Structures are given as C-alpha cells and as structure tokens.
Amino acid sequence: MPPAKLLQWLQLQRALRALVGGGGGLADAAAAGGFADQSHFTRRCAQWLGVTPSAGLAAFAFEIVP
C-alpha cells in the first residue's frame, strides 16, 4: 500500500473512532481525524467505505481494532 493511502486510512480510522465514541458530531470527528473540514471527511468516507457518515454508517455495526 502506498504511504499516502495508508495515511488516509489511518486518518479515516481516527475520525470514525471519534464518531463512534459519541464525543460529538461530524465536525468534531473530522477534526479528530485531522481532516480539513466535515465535507473532506464525508468525501473520504464515501471513497473508502462507499457510504457517507450521516447517511449510512449509523446503520452499520462495526468496530475498529487497533
């Protein structure tokens, strides 16, 4: 895996962990992951997982294992 893709994946994991943790909304999760803004997080999530955080992730049961 190219380093840039690995960094994107790790960034997405941090944001999803924050979102699942319930510490705030999408904007807070995006900030926790190091994304520029909420829309950047949403686009990256759709790119990697095929769903946007607000539209689809609530319906999924998933766990991020370190």
PDB file of N, CA and C in Angstrom:
ATOM      1  N   MET A   1       0.857  -1.167   0.000  1.00  0.00           N
ATOM      2  CA  MET A   1       0.000   0.000   0.000  1.00  0.00           C
ATOM      3  C   MET A   1       0.905   1.232   0.000  1.00  0.00           C
ATOM      4  N   PRO A   2       0.629   2.185  -0.868  1.00  0.00           N
ATOM      5  CA  PRO A   2       1.420   3.416  -0.877  1.00  0.00           C
ATOM      6  C   PRO A   2       1.264   4.175   0.442  1.00  0.00           C
ATOM      7  N   PRO A   3       2.299   4.864   0.879  1.00  0.00           N
ATOM      8  CA  PRO A   3       2.230   5.590   2.151  1.00  0.00           C
ATOM      9  C   PRO A   3       1.072   6.583   2.216  1.00  0.00           C
ATOM     10  N   ALA A   4       0.764   7.248   1.117  1.00  0.00           N
ATOM     11  CA  ALA A   4      -0.328   8.226   1.135  1.00  0.00           C
ATOM     12  C   ALA A   4      -1.663   7.550   1.425  1.00  0.00           C
ATOM     13  N   LYS A   5      -1.885   6.379   0.855  1.00  0.00           N
ATOM     14  CA  LYS A   5      -3.133   5.649   1.105  1.00  0.00           C
ATOM     15  C   LYS A   5      -3.198   5.165   2.551  1.00  0.00           C
ATOM     16  N   LEU A   6      -2.075   4.697   3.067  1.00  0.00           N
ATOM     17  CA  LEU A   6      -2.034   4.265   4.462  1.00  0.00           C
ATOM     18  C   LEU A   6      -2.363   5.427   5.390  1.00  0.00           C
ATOM     19  N   LEU A   7      -1.816   6.591   5.120  1.00  0.00           N
ATOM     20  CA  LEU A   7      -2.111   7.759   5.946  1.00  0.00           C
ATOM     21  C   LEU A   7      -3.588   8.143   5.859  1.00  0.00           C
ATOM     22  N   GLN A   8      -4.179   8.038   4.661  1.00  0.00           N
ATOM     23  CA  GLN A   8      -5.605   8.309   4.523  1.00  0.00           C
ATOM     24  C   GLN A   8      -6.430   7.340   5.368  1.00  0.00           C
ATOM     25  N   TRP A   9      -6.061   6.068   5.335  1.00  0.00           N
ATOM     26  CA  TRP A   9      -6.784   5.052   6.099  1.00  0.00           C
ATOM     27  C   TRP A   9      -6.681   5.318   7.598  1.00  0.00           C
ATOM     28  N   LEU A  10      -5.494   5.656   8.064  1.00  0.00           N
ATOM     29  CA  LEU A  10      -5.304   5.937   9.488  1.00  0.00           C
ATOM     30  C   LEU A  10      -6.088   7.178   9.910  1.00  0.00           C
ATOM     31  N   GLN A  11      -6.109   8.182   9.043  1.00  0.00           N
ATOM     32  CA  GLN A  11      -6.875   9.394   9.317  1.00  0.00           C
ATOM     33  C   GLN A  11      -8.362   9.072   9.410  1.00  0.00           C
ATOM     34  N   LEU A  12      -8.835   8.258   8.489  1.00  0.00           N
ATOM     35  CA  LEU A  12     -10.241   7.857   8.497  1.00  0.00           C
ATOM     36  C   LEU A  12     -10.571   7.062   9.757  1.00  0.00           C
ATOM     37  N   GLN A  13      -9.684   6.183  10.167  1.00  0.00           N
ATOM     38  CA  GLN A  13      -9.908   5.404  11.394  1.00  0.00           C
ATOM     39  C   GLN A  13     -10.030   6.308  12.613  1.00  0.00           C
ATOM     40  N   ARG A  14      -9.144   7.304  12.723  1.00  0.00           N
ATOM     41  CA  ARG A  14      -9.213   8.225  13.871  1.00  0.00           C
ATOM     42  C   ARG A  14     -10.552   8.962  13.896  1.00  0.00           C
ATOM     43  N   ALA A  15     -10.992   9.420  12.738  1.00  0.00           N
ATOM     44  CA  ALA A  15     -12.256  10.153  12.670  1.00  0.00           C
ATOM     45  C   ALA A  15     -13.442   9.247  13.004  1.00  0.00           C
ATOM     46  N   LEU A  16     -13.428   8.028  12.474  1.00  0.00           N
ATOM     47  CA  LEU A  16     -14.524   7.096  12.756  1.00  0.00           C
ATOM     48  C   LEU A  16     -14.547   6.697  14.221  1.00  0.00           C
ATOM     49  N   ARG A  17     -13.386   6.525  14.800  1.00  0.00           N
ATOM     50  CA  ARG A  17     -13.317   6.209  16.226  1.00  0.00           C
ATOM     51  C   ARG A  17     -13.962   7.326  17.044  1.00  0.00           C
ATOM     52  N   ALA A  18     -13.669   8.562  16.671  1.00  0.00           N
ATOM     53  CA  ALA A  18     -14.254   9.702  17.381  1.00  0.00           C
ATOM     54  C   ALA A  18     -15.764   9.763  17.162  1.00  0.00           C
ATOM     55  N   LEU A  19     -16.203   9.460  15.951  1.00  0.00           N
ATOM     56  CA  LEU A  19     -17.634   9.490  15.651  1.00  0.00           C
ATOM     57  C   LEU A  19     -18.384   8.405  16.409  1.00  0.00           C
ATOM     58  N   VAL A  20     -17.833   7.205  16.436  1.00  0.00           N
ATOM     59  CA  VAL A  20     -18.468   6.088  17.136  1.00  0.00           C
ATOM     60  C   VAL A  20     -18.434   6.305  18.643  1.00  0.00           C
ATOM     61  N   GLY A  21     -17.384   6.961  19.115  1.00  0.00           N
ATOM     62  CA  GLY A  21     -17.251   7.233  20.544  1.00  0.00           C
ATOM     63  C   GLY A  21     -18.306   8.188  21.078  1.00  0.00           C
ATOM     64  N   GLY A  22     -18.999   8.873  20.186  1.00  0.00           N
ATOM     65  CA  GLY A  22     -20.084   9.745  20.607  1.00  0.00           C
ATOM     66  C   GLY A  22     -19.648  11.042  21.232  1.00  0.00           C
ATOM     67  N   GLY A  23     -18.409  11.442  20.992  1.00  0.00           N
ATOM     68  CA  GLY A  23     -17.913  12.675  21.585  1.00  0.00           C
ATOM     69  C   GLY A  23     -18.393  13.937  20.896  1.00  0.00           C
ATOM     70  N   GLY A  24     -19.153  13.803  19.836  1.00  0.00           N
ATOM     71  CA  GLY A  24     -19.633  14.973  19.112  1.00  0.00           C
ATOM     72  C   GLY A  24     -20.186  14.568  17.769  1.00  0.00           C
ATOM     73  N   GLY A  25     -20.331  15.530  16.905  1.00  0.00           N
ATOM     74  CA  GLY A  25     -20.898  15.279  15.595  1.00  0.00           C
ATOM     75  C   GLY A  25     -19.827  15.062  14.538  1.00  0.00           C
ATOM     76  N   LEU A  26     -20.241  15.217  13.290  1.00  0.00           N
ATOM     77  CA  LEU A  26     -19.337  15.009  12.165  1.00  0.00           C
ATOM     78  C   LEU A  26     -18.176  15.991  12.163  1.00  0.00           C
ATOM     79  N   ALA A  27     -18.449  17.233  12.498  1.00  0.00           N
ATOM     80  CA  ALA A  27     -17.382  18.240  12.509  1.00  0.00           C
ATOM     81  C   ALA A  27     -16.318  17.892  13.543  1.00  0.00           C
ATOM     82  N   ASP A  28     -16.742  17.438  14.709  1.00  0.00           N
ATOM     83  CA  ASP A  28     -15.787  17.049  15.754  1.00  0.00           C
ATOM     84  C   ASP A  28     -14.988  15.817  15.335  1.00  0.00           C
ATOM     85  N   ALA A  29     -15.656  14.870  14.700  1.00  0.00           N
ATOM     86  CA  ALA A  29     -14.972  13.670  14.223  1.00  0.00           C
ATOM     87  C   ALA A  29     -13.963  14.015  13.141  1.00  0.00           C
ATOM     88  N   ALA A  30     -14.352  14.917  12.243  1.00  0.00           N
ATOM     89  CA  ALA A  30     -13.439  15.346  11.185  1.00  0.00           C
ATOM     90  C   ALA A  30     -12.201  16.000  11.776  1.00  0.00           C
ATOM     91  N   ALA A  31     -12.390  16.839  12.772  1.00  0.00           N
ATOM     92  CA  ALA A  31     -11.258  17.493  13.424  1.00  0.00           C
ATOM     93  C   ALA A  31     -10.373  16.473  14.134  1.00  0.00           C
ATOM     94  N   ALA A  32     -10.985  15.497  14.779  1.00  0.00           N
ATOM     95  CA  ALA A  32     -10.215  14.461  15.480  1.00  0.00           C
ATOM     96  C   ALA A  32      -9.381  13.640  14.510  1.00  0.00           C
ATOM     97  N   GLY A  33      -9.888  13.452  13.307  1.00  0.00           N
ATOM     98  CA  GLY A  33      -9.152  12.689  12.308  1.00  0.00           C
ATOM     99  C   GLY A  33      -8.111  13.500  11.571  1.00  0.00           C
ATOM    100  N   GLY A  34      -8.153  14.811  11.739  1.00  0.00           N
ATOM    101  CA  GLY A  34      -7.189  15.660  11.062  1.00  0.00           C
ATOM    102  C   GLY A  34      -7.639  16.093   9.670  1.00  0.00           C
ATOM    103  N   PHE A  35      -8.924  15.978   9.393  1.00  0.00           N
ATOM    104  CA  PHE A  35      -9.445  16.423   8.104  1.00  0.00           C
ATOM    105  C   PHE A  35      -9.584  17.932   8.100  1.00  0.00           C
ATOM    106  N   ALA A  36      -9.547  18.515   6.902  1.00  0.00           N
ATOM    107  CA  ALA A  36      -9.653  19.961   6.768  1.00  0.00           C
ATOM    108  C   ALA A  36     -11.013  20.467   7.238  1.00  0.00           C
ATOM    109  N   ASP A  37     -12.056  19.709   6.942  1.00  0.00           N
ATOM    110  CA  ASP A  37     -13.397  20.085   7.357  1.00  0.00           C
ATOM    111  C   ASP A  37     -14.315  18.869   7.258  1.00  0.00           C
ATOM    112  N   GLN A  38     -15.567  19.078   7.606  1.00  0.00           N
ATOM    113  CA  GLN A  38     -16.547  17.992   7.631  1.00  0.00           C
ATOM    114  C   GLN A  38     -16.766  17.397   6.242  1.00  0.00           C
ATOM    115  N   SER A  39     -16.795  18.228   5.219  1.00  0.00           N
ATOM    116  CA  SER A  39     -17.034  17.709   3.866  1.00  0.00           C
ATOM    117  C   SER A  39     -15.855  16.871   3.370  1.00  0.00           C
ATOM    118  N   HIS A  40     -14.650  17.222   3.779  1.00  0.00           N
ATOM    119  CA  HIS A  40     -13.474  16.417   3.421  1.00  0.00           C
ATOM    120  C   HIS A  40     -13.590  15.022   4.038  1.00  0.00           C
ATOM    121  N   PHE A  41     -13.987  14.962   5.290  1.00  0.00           N
ATOM    122  CA  PHE A  41     -14.204  13.689   5.969  1.00  0.00           C
ATOM    123  C   PHE A  41     -15.303  12.887   5.279  1.00  0.00           C
ATOM    124  N   THR A  42     -16.391  13.545   4.923  1.00  0.00           N
ATOM    125  CA  THR A  42     -17.506  12.868   4.268  1.00  0.00           C
ATOM    126  C   THR A  42     -17.091  12.288   2.924  1.00  0.00           C
ATOM    127  N   ARG A  43     -16.356  13.065   2.130  1.00  0.00           N
ATOM    128  CA  ARG A  43     -15.891  12.571   0.824  1.00  0.00           C
ATOM    129  C   ARG A  43     -14.952  11.385   0.976  1.00  0.00           C
ATOM    130  N   ARG A  44     -14.031  11.458   1.922  1.00  0.00           N
ATOM    131  CA  ARG A  44     -13.070  10.373   2.126  1.00  0.00           C
ATOM    132  C   ARG A  44     -13.782   9.119   2.613  1.00  0.00           C
ATOM    133  N   CYS A  45     -14.758   9.272   3.477  1.00  0.00           N
ATOM    134  CA  CYS A  45     -15.525   8.145   3.976  1.00  0.00           C
ATOM    135  C   CYS A  45     -16.278   7.471   2.825  1.00  0.00           C
ATOM    136  N   ALA A  46     -16.888   8.265   1.979  1.00  0.00           N
ATOM    137  CA  ALA A  46     -17.607   7.717   0.827  1.00  0.00           C
ATOM    138  C   ALA A  46     -16.643   7.013  -0.128  1.00  0.00           C
ATOM    139  N   GLN A  47     -15.457   7.569  -0.289  1.00  0.00           N
ATOM    140  CA  GLN A  47     -14.460   6.974  -1.172  1.00  0.00           C
ATOM    141  C   GLN A  47     -13.997   5.611  -0.657  1.00  0.00           C
ATOM    142  N   TRP A  48     -13.720   5.509   0.628  1.00  0.00           N
ATOM    143  CA  TRP A  48     -13.170   4.283   1.196  1.00  0.00           C
ATOM    144  C   TRP A  48     -14.239   3.251   1.540  1.00  0.00           C
ATOM    145  N   LEU A  49     -15.391   3.704   2.036  1.00  0.00           N
ATOM    146  CA  LEU A  49     -16.394   2.775   2.556  1.00  0.00           C
ATOM    147  C   LEU A  49     -17.657   2.689   1.715  1.00  0.00           C
ATOM    148  N   GLY A  50     -17.832   3.620   0.800  1.00  0.00           N
ATOM    149  CA  GLY A  50     -18.992   3.588  -0.066  1.00  0.00           C
ATOM    150  C   GLY A  50     -20.244   4.210   0.518  1.00  0.00           C
ATOM    151  N   VAL A  51     -20.148   4.770   1.701  1.00  0.00           N
ATOM    152  CA  VAL A  51     -21.277   5.455   2.338  1.00  0.00           C
ATOM    153  C   VAL A  51     -20.770   6.713   3.020  1.00  0.00           C
ATOM    154  N   THR A  52     -21.664   7.685   3.142  1.00  0.00           N
ATOM    155  CA  THR A  52     -21.307   8.879   3.899  1.00  0.00           C
ATOM    156  C   THR A  52     -21.591   8.610   5.374  1.00  0.00           C
ATOM    157  N   PRO A  53     -20.902   9.303   6.258  1.00  0.00           N
ATOM    158  CA  PRO A  53     -21.122   9.051   7.686  1.00  0.00           C
ATOM    159  C   PRO A  53     -22.569   9.271   8.114  1.00  0.00           C
ATOM    160  N   SER A  54     -23.176  10.348   7.680  1.00  0.00           N
ATOM    161  CA  SER A  54     -24.536  10.642   8.133  1.00  0.00           C
ATOM    162  C   SER A  54     -25.577   9.747   7.474  1.00  0.00           C
ATOM    163  N   ALA A  55     -25.340   9.328   6.244  1.00  0.00           N
ATOM    164  CA  ALA A  55     -26.340   8.546   5.524  1.00  0.00           C
ATOM    165  C   ALA A  55     -26.287   7.054   5.816  1.00  0.00           C
ATOM    166  N   GLY A  56     -25.108   6.525   6.073  1.00  0.00           N
ATOM    167  CA  GLY A  56     -25.035   5.086   6.138  1.00  0.00           C
ATOM    168  C   GLY A  56     -24.360   4.454   7.326  1.00  0.00           C
ATOM    169  N   LEU A  57     -23.414   5.132   7.930  1.00  0.00           N
ATOM    170  CA  LEU A  57     -22.657   4.464   8.983  1.00  0.00           C
ATOM    171  C   LEU A  57     -23.492   4.149  10.218  1.00  0.00           C
ATOM    172  N   ALA A  58     -24.547   4.889  10.447  1.00  0.00           N
ATOM    173  CA  ALA A  58     -25.391   4.615  11.610  1.00  0.00           C
ATOM    174  C   ALA A  58     -26.072   3.260  11.490  1.00  0.00           C
ATOM    175  N   ALA A  59     -26.254   2.799  10.267  1.00  0.00           N
ATOM    176  CA  ALA A  59     -26.917   1.517  10.049  1.00  0.00           C
ATOM    177  C   ALA A  59     -25.972   0.331  10.164  1.00  0.00           C
ATOM    178  N   PHE A  60     -24.679   0.591  10.203  1.00  0.00           N
ATOM    179  CA  PHE A  60     -23.696  -0.482  10.262  1.00  0.00           C
ATOM    180  C   PHE A  60     -23.207  -0.677  11.680  1.00  0.00           C
ATOM    181  N   ALA A  61     -22.936  -1.905  12.020  1.00  0.00           N
ATOM    182  CA  ALA A  61     -22.278  -2.217  13.293  1.00  0.00           C
ATOM    183  C   ALA A  61     -20.843  -2.597  12.935  1.00  0.00           C
ATOM    184  N   PHE A  62     -19.895  -1.781  13.350  1.00  0.00           N
ATOM    185  CA  PHE A  62     -18.516  -2.075  13.039  1.00  0.00           C
ATOM    186  C   PHE A  62     -17.634  -1.705  14.209  1.00  0.00           C
ATOM    187  N   GLU A  63     -16.466  -2.262  14.205  1.00  0.00           N
ATOM    188  CA  GLU A  63     -15.513  -1.997  15.280  1.00  0.00           C
ATOM    189  C   GLU A  63     -14.146  -1.795  14.650  1.00  0.00           C
ATOM    190  N   ILE A  64     -13.452  -0.776  15.086  1.00  0.00           N
ATOM    191  CA  ILE A  64     -12.102  -0.519  14.600  1.00  0.00           C
ATOM    192  C   ILE A  64     -11.143  -1.106  15.628  1.00  0.00           C
ATOM    193  N   VAL A  65     -10.370  -2.071  15.186  1.00  0.00           N
ATOM    194  CA  VAL A  65      -9.426  -2.743  16.061  1.00  0.00           C
ATOM    195  C   VAL A  65      -8.058  -2.136  15.842  1.00  0.00           C
ATOM    196  N   PRO A  66      -7.378  -1.711  16.910  1.00  0.00           N
ATOM    197  CA  PRO A  66      -6.064  -1.092  16.746  1.00  0.00           C
ATOM    198  C   PRO A  66      -5.029  -2.050  16.212  1.00  0.00           C
TER     199      PRO A  66
END
